[in-house]
Each structure stands twice: as structure tokens, then as C-alpha cells.
Amino acid sequence: MAKIEITFKTPDAMLYAVEEEVERAACEKAAGLGLIEPDELSEEDKWELECYKEELEDSLAMFIKYGELVTIEFDTDKNTATVLEVD
């Protein structure tokens, strides 16, 4: 069989995924501090979450070109799919 590469254009998908993860982390942090809403977090906690967001974006950047293009290689012999790093 063959290896086939397909590039998907997913505008805003990375942004949404990162924002969702940061929101989950904020809620978890707030709950751990006994707070009702993440808005009640200290400025220091909010800064840590912003740094976390940047780390996530940097980690994903090796796989997502221009913040929206993802290329997946499908190997029909092995029945696998691999997300390729940006060239």
C-alpha cells in the first residue's frame, strides 16, 4: 500500500484547544484554593496561567504551521496515522 500525507486547515483550532485547557487549569487552580470563580485568582496566578498558555502554544507550534495547518501521514501498511512536524 502507501503512505499518504494530508494537510488540514483548521483555523482557530489551536487557539480554541489552548484556551479550553487554560480555562480547565484555571478552574482547577481556583477550586484548589477554595475560590468559586477563576476570576478571583490573584494576579500572580493569572500570570502563571498566561505563561502556561504560551508554553502550550510553543509546544504545539512544532506541529501546527501558521497556527492552522496540520499535516498527518497515514501509513496504510501499518494502519497508523502520525502528525508530522512543521518543516
N, C-alpha and C. Protein backbone atom coordinates (compact mmCIF):
# COMPACT_ATOMS: atom_id res chain seq x y z
N MET A 1 0.84 -1.18 0.00
CA MET A 1 0.00 0.00 0.00
C MET A 1 0.88 1.25 0.00
N ALA A 2 0.50 2.30 0.75
CA ALA A 2 1.22 3.56 0.64
C ALA A 2 1.19 4.39 1.91
N LYS A 3 2.04 5.40 1.90
CA LYS A 3 1.99 6.44 2.92
C LYS A 3 1.41 7.68 2.23
N ILE A 4 0.41 8.24 2.83
CA ILE A 4 -0.27 9.39 2.25
C ILE A 4 -0.25 10.53 3.26
N GLU A 5 0.16 11.71 2.80
CA GLU A 5 0.16 12.89 3.65
C GLU A 5 -1.02 13.78 3.28
N ILE A 6 -1.74 14.21 4.31
CA ILE A 6 -2.87 15.11 4.10
C ILE A 6 -2.69 16.30 5.04
N THR A 7 -2.81 17.50 4.48
CA THR A 7 -2.73 18.72 5.29
C THR A 7 -4.13 19.25 5.51
N PHE A 8 -4.45 19.48 6.76
CA PHE A 8 -5.76 20.00 7.14
C PHE A 8 -5.60 21.46 7.56
N LYS A 9 -6.50 22.29 7.10
CA LYS A 9 -6.53 23.68 7.52
C LYS A 9 -7.61 23.82 8.57
N THR A 10 -7.18 24.15 9.78
CA THR A 10 -8.11 24.23 10.90
C THR A 10 -7.97 25.58 11.59
N PRO A 11 -8.49 26.63 10.97
CA PRO A 11 -8.37 27.96 11.58
C PRO A 11 -8.93 27.98 13.00
N ASP A 12 -8.17 28.56 13.87
CA ASP A 12 -8.57 28.77 15.27
C ASP A 12 -8.63 27.50 16.11
N ALA A 13 -8.40 26.33 15.54
CA ALA A 13 -8.49 25.10 16.33
C ALA A 13 -7.46 25.09 17.45
N MET A 14 -6.22 25.50 17.16
CA MET A 14 -5.20 25.53 18.20
C MET A 14 -5.58 26.54 19.27
N LEU A 15 -6.02 27.70 18.85
CA LEU A 15 -6.42 28.73 19.80
C LEU A 15 -7.52 28.22 20.74
N TYR A 16 -8.55 27.60 20.18
CA TYR A 16 -9.64 27.07 20.99
C TYR A 16 -9.17 25.98 21.95
N ALA A 17 -8.34 25.09 21.46
CA ALA A 17 -7.84 24.00 22.29
C ALA A 17 -7.00 24.52 23.45
N VAL A 18 -6.14 25.47 23.16
CA VAL A 18 -5.29 26.05 24.21
C VAL A 18 -6.15 26.81 25.21
N GLU A 19 -7.07 27.61 24.74
CA GLU A 19 -7.94 28.36 25.65
C GLU A 19 -8.76 27.43 26.55
N GLU A 20 -9.24 26.34 25.97
CA GLU A 20 -10.01 25.37 26.75
C GLU A 20 -9.14 24.74 27.85
N GLU A 21 -7.91 24.40 27.52
CA GLU A 21 -7.01 23.81 28.51
C GLU A 21 -6.65 24.81 29.61
N VAL A 22 -6.39 26.06 29.24
CA VAL A 22 -6.06 27.08 30.23
C VAL A 22 -7.26 27.34 31.14
N GLU A 23 -8.46 27.35 30.58
CA GLU A 23 -9.68 27.53 31.39
C GLU A 23 -9.84 26.37 32.37
N ARG A 24 -9.56 25.14 31.89
CA ARG A 24 -9.64 23.97 32.78
C ARG A 24 -8.63 24.11 33.92
N ALA A 25 -7.42 24.52 33.59
CA ALA A 25 -6.37 24.69 34.60
C ALA A 25 -6.74 25.79 35.59
N ALA A 26 -7.35 26.88 35.10
CA ALA A 26 -7.76 27.98 35.97
C ALA A 26 -8.84 27.53 36.95
N CYS A 27 -9.81 26.78 36.45
CA CYS A 27 -10.88 26.27 37.31
C CYS A 27 -10.31 25.32 38.37
N GLU A 28 -9.38 24.47 37.95
CA GLU A 28 -8.76 23.53 38.88
C GLU A 28 -7.97 24.28 39.95
N LYS A 29 -7.22 25.28 39.54
CA LYS A 29 -6.43 26.07 40.48
C LYS A 29 -7.35 26.81 41.45
N ALA A 30 -8.42 27.41 40.93
CA ALA A 30 -9.37 28.14 41.78
C ALA A 30 -10.01 27.21 42.80
N ALA A 31 -10.43 26.05 42.34
CA ALA A 31 -11.06 25.08 43.25
C ALA A 31 -10.07 24.66 44.33
N GLY A 32 -8.82 24.46 43.96
CA GLY A 32 -7.80 24.06 44.93
C GLY A 32 -7.55 25.13 45.99
N LEU A 33 -7.83 26.38 45.64
CA LEU A 33 -7.66 27.48 46.59
C LEU A 33 -8.96 27.82 47.32
N GLY A 34 -10.01 27.07 47.04
CA GLY A 34 -11.30 27.32 47.69
C GLY A 34 -12.05 28.50 47.10
N LEU A 35 -11.71 28.89 45.88
CA LEU A 35 -12.39 30.00 45.23
C LEU A 35 -13.55 29.48 44.39
N ILE A 36 -14.53 30.32 44.18
CA ILE A 36 -15.70 29.93 43.40
C ILE A 36 -15.45 30.09 41.91
N GLU A 37 -14.82 31.20 41.51
CA GLU A 37 -14.60 31.51 40.10
C GLU A 37 -13.12 31.75 39.82
N PRO A 38 -12.65 31.35 38.63
CA PRO A 38 -11.26 31.62 38.27
C PRO A 38 -10.93 33.12 38.24
N ASP A 39 -11.95 33.97 38.05
CA ASP A 39 -11.74 35.43 38.04
C ASP A 39 -11.21 35.93 39.38
N GLU A 40 -11.40 35.13 40.44
CA GLU A 40 -10.96 35.52 41.77
C GLU A 40 -9.48 35.21 42.02
N LEU A 41 -8.81 34.60 41.05
CA LEU A 41 -7.40 34.27 41.21
C LEU A 41 -6.56 35.54 41.35
N SER A 42 -5.45 35.42 42.03
CA SER A 42 -4.54 36.56 42.19
C SER A 42 -3.89 36.90 40.86
N GLU A 43 -3.30 38.09 40.78
CA GLU A 43 -2.60 38.49 39.57
C GLU A 43 -1.43 37.54 39.30
N GLU A 44 -0.78 37.07 40.35
CA GLU A 44 0.33 36.12 40.18
C GLU A 44 -0.17 34.81 39.56
N ASP A 45 -1.30 34.32 40.05
CA ASP A 45 -1.87 33.09 39.49
C ASP A 45 -2.28 33.29 38.03
N LYS A 46 -2.85 34.45 37.73
CA LYS A 46 -3.24 34.74 36.35
C LYS A 46 -2.01 34.82 35.45
N TRP A 47 -0.92 35.38 35.96
CA TRP A 47 0.32 35.46 35.19
C TRP A 47 0.85 34.05 34.92
N GLU A 48 0.80 33.17 35.92
CA GLU A 48 1.24 31.78 35.74
C GLU A 48 0.41 31.10 34.65
N LEU A 49 -0.88 31.35 34.64
CA LEU A 49 -1.74 30.76 33.61
C LEU A 49 -1.42 31.31 32.22
N GLU A 50 -1.09 32.58 32.14
CA GLU A 50 -0.70 33.17 30.86
C GLU A 50 0.61 32.54 30.36
N CYS A 51 1.54 32.31 31.28
CA CYS A 51 2.80 31.64 30.92
C CYS A 51 2.53 30.21 30.45
N TYR A 52 1.61 29.54 31.13
CA TYR A 52 1.21 28.18 30.76
C TYR A 52 0.64 28.17 29.34
N LYS A 53 -0.19 29.17 29.05
CA LYS A 53 -0.79 29.28 27.71
C LYS A 53 0.30 29.43 26.66
N GLU A 54 1.28 30.27 26.92
CA GLU A 54 2.38 30.47 25.97
C GLU A 54 3.19 29.20 25.79
N GLU A 55 3.41 28.46 26.87
CA GLU A 55 4.14 27.18 26.78
C GLU A 55 3.38 26.19 25.90
N LEU A 56 2.07 26.12 26.08
CA LEU A 56 1.26 25.22 25.26
C LEU A 56 1.35 25.60 23.78
N GLU A 57 1.20 26.90 23.50
CA GLU A 57 1.27 27.36 22.11
C GLU A 57 2.64 27.04 21.50
N ASP A 58 3.70 27.25 22.27
CA ASP A 58 5.05 26.94 21.78
C ASP A 58 5.21 25.45 21.51
N SER A 59 4.65 24.61 22.39
CA SER A 59 4.75 23.16 22.22
C SER A 59 4.02 22.68 20.98
N LEU A 60 2.87 23.27 20.71
CA LEU A 60 2.08 22.87 19.56
C LEU A 60 2.62 23.42 18.25
N ALA A 61 3.38 24.51 18.33
CA ALA A 61 3.88 25.17 17.12
C ALA A 61 4.74 24.25 16.26
N MET A 62 5.36 23.26 16.86
CA MET A 62 6.18 22.35 16.06
C MET A 62 5.35 21.45 15.15
N PHE A 63 4.04 21.40 15.41
CA PHE A 63 3.15 20.58 14.61
C PHE A 63 2.13 21.38 13.80
N ILE A 64 1.97 22.65 14.13
CA ILE A 64 0.91 23.46 13.51
C ILE A 64 1.53 24.68 12.84
N LYS A 65 1.46 24.71 11.53
CA LYS A 65 2.04 25.80 10.75
C LYS A 65 1.06 26.97 10.65
N TYR A 66 1.56 28.15 10.88
CA TYR A 66 0.76 29.37 10.83
C TYR A 66 -0.44 29.32 11.78
N GLY A 67 -0.37 28.48 12.79
CA GLY A 67 -1.47 28.39 13.75
C GLY A 67 -2.71 27.70 13.22
N GLU A 68 -2.64 27.11 12.01
CA GLU A 68 -3.86 26.50 11.46
C GLU A 68 -3.64 25.30 10.54
N LEU A 69 -2.42 24.99 10.13
CA LEU A 69 -2.19 23.87 9.21
C LEU A 69 -1.55 22.69 9.92
N VAL A 70 -2.18 21.54 9.82
CA VAL A 70 -1.68 20.31 10.42
C VAL A 70 -1.55 19.26 9.32
N THR A 71 -0.39 18.59 9.26
CA THR A 71 -0.19 17.55 8.26
C THR A 71 -0.11 16.20 8.97
N ILE A 72 -0.91 15.27 8.49
CA ILE A 72 -0.95 13.92 9.06
C ILE A 72 -0.53 12.93 7.98
N GLU A 73 0.37 12.03 8.35
CA GLU A 73 0.81 10.98 7.44
C GLU A 73 0.08 9.70 7.81
N PHE A 74 -0.62 9.15 6.84
CA PHE A 74 -1.34 7.89 7.03
C PHE A 74 -0.54 6.78 6.37
N ASP A 75 -0.20 5.76 7.15
CA ASP A 75 0.52 4.60 6.63
C ASP A 75 -0.48 3.46 6.49
N THR A 76 -0.85 3.16 5.26
CA THR A 76 -1.88 2.14 5.03
C THR A 76 -1.37 0.72 5.25
N ASP A 77 -0.05 0.54 5.27
CA ASP A 77 0.51 -0.79 5.56
C ASP A 77 0.41 -1.09 7.06
N LYS A 78 0.73 -0.10 7.86
CA LYS A 78 0.75 -0.29 9.32
C LYS A 78 -0.56 0.14 9.99
N ASN A 79 -1.46 0.73 9.21
CA ASN A 79 -2.71 1.27 9.76
C ASN A 79 -2.44 2.26 10.89
N THR A 80 -1.55 3.22 10.61
CA THR A 80 -1.22 4.24 11.60
C THR A 80 -1.39 5.62 11.00
N ALA A 81 -1.47 6.59 11.87
CA ALA A 81 -1.51 7.99 11.47
C ALA A 81 -0.55 8.75 12.38
N THR A 82 0.26 9.62 11.78
CA THR A 82 1.26 10.36 12.54
C THR A 82 1.17 11.84 12.18
N VAL A 83 1.10 12.68 13.20
CA VAL A 83 1.14 14.12 12.95
C VAL A 83 2.60 14.48 12.68
N LEU A 84 2.84 15.14 11.55
CA LEU A 84 4.20 15.49 11.15
C LEU A 84 4.59 16.86 11.69
N GLU A 85 5.88 16.99 12.01
CA GLU A 85 6.39 18.29 12.44
C GLU A 85 6.41 19.25 11.27
N VAL A 86 6.27 20.53 11.58
CA VAL A 86 6.33 21.57 10.56
C VAL A 86 7.73 21.62 9.99
N ASP A 87 7.81 21.75 8.66
CA ASP A 87 9.14 21.84 8.06
C ASP A 87 9.61 23.26 7.94
